Amino acid sequence: MTILFIGYQEILLIALIVLLIFGGKKIPELMRGLGKGVKNFKDGMNGKDEETENGERKTEN
């Protein structure tokens, strides 16, 4: 069983199913939303690190 190894045929099949379910016009909106979510997650992680550093600097002063 090779669950972790997906070939190009399986990826094409999944893409075709997604295209049939959502349609061609909805896919860019879905990808845009996914991209915004990932960006917000990264910004949140970076912001948390900066807040921690700023908090440590404030206590040291």
Protein backbone atom coordinates (compact mmCIF):
# COMPACT_ATOMS: atom_id res chain seq x y z
CA MET A 1 0.00 0.00 0.00
CA THR A 2 1.50 3.27 -1.10
CA ILE A 3 -0.82 5.85 0.37
CA LEU A 4 1.76 8.63 0.64
CA PHE A 5 3.02 8.34 -2.93
CA ILE A 6 0.55 9.92 -5.36
CA GLY A 7 1.39 9.81 -9.05
CA TYR A 8 0.48 12.29 -11.75
CA GLN A 9 -2.50 10.18 -12.85
CA GLU A 10 -4.07 10.37 -9.40
CA ILE A 11 -3.45 14.13 -9.23
CA LEU A 12 -5.13 14.58 -12.63
CA LEU A 13 -8.09 12.50 -11.49
CA ILE A 14 -8.48 14.56 -8.31
CA ALA A 15 -8.21 17.81 -10.32
CA LEU A 16 -10.88 16.59 -12.74
CA ILE A 17 -13.24 15.69 -9.88
CA VAL A 18 -12.71 19.11 -8.27
CA LEU A 19 -13.38 20.79 -11.62
CA LEU A 20 -16.61 18.84 -12.05
CA ILE A 21 -17.81 19.58 -8.52
CA PHE A 22 -17.00 23.29 -8.29
CA GLY A 23 -16.92 24.37 -11.92
CA GLY A 24 -14.29 26.45 -13.68
CA LYS A 25 -15.46 29.81 -12.35
CA LYS A 26 -15.33 28.88 -8.66
CA ILE A 27 -11.82 27.41 -8.60
CA PRO A 28 -9.94 30.77 -8.76
CA GLU A 29 -12.07 32.05 -5.87
CA LEU A 30 -11.30 28.95 -3.84
CA MET A 31 -7.56 29.26 -4.52
CA ARG A 32 -7.62 32.97 -3.68
CA GLY A 33 -9.32 32.20 -0.36
CA LEU A 34 -6.82 29.43 0.37
CA GLY A 35 -3.92 31.78 -0.40
CA LYS A 36 -5.31 34.47 1.90
CA GLY A 37 -5.72 31.90 4.67
CA VAL A 38 -2.13 30.73 4.35
CA LYS A 39 -0.88 34.34 4.29
CA ASN A 40 -2.87 35.22 7.41
CA PHE A 41 -1.51 32.14 9.15
CA LYS A 42 2.08 33.06 8.30
CA ASP A 43 1.54 36.67 9.33
CA GLY A 44 0.01 35.51 12.60
CA MET A 45 2.96 33.26 13.32
CA ASN A 46 5.46 36.02 12.51
CA GLY A 47 3.47 38.56 14.52
CA LYS A 48 3.44 36.26 17.52
CA ASP A 49 7.22 35.89 17.36
CA GLU A 50 7.67 39.67 17.10
CA GLU A 51 5.34 40.26 20.06
CA THR A 52 7.30 37.79 22.15
CA GLU A 53 10.59 39.50 21.27
CA ASN A 54 9.10 42.94 21.97
CA GLY A 55 7.72 41.72 25.30
CA GLU A 56 11.11 40.38 26.32
CA ARG A 57 12.80 43.62 25.33
CA LYS A 58 10.31 45.68 27.34
CA THR A 59 10.92 43.60 30.47
CA GLU A 60 14.67 43.92 30.09
CA ASN A 61 14.50 47.73 29.92
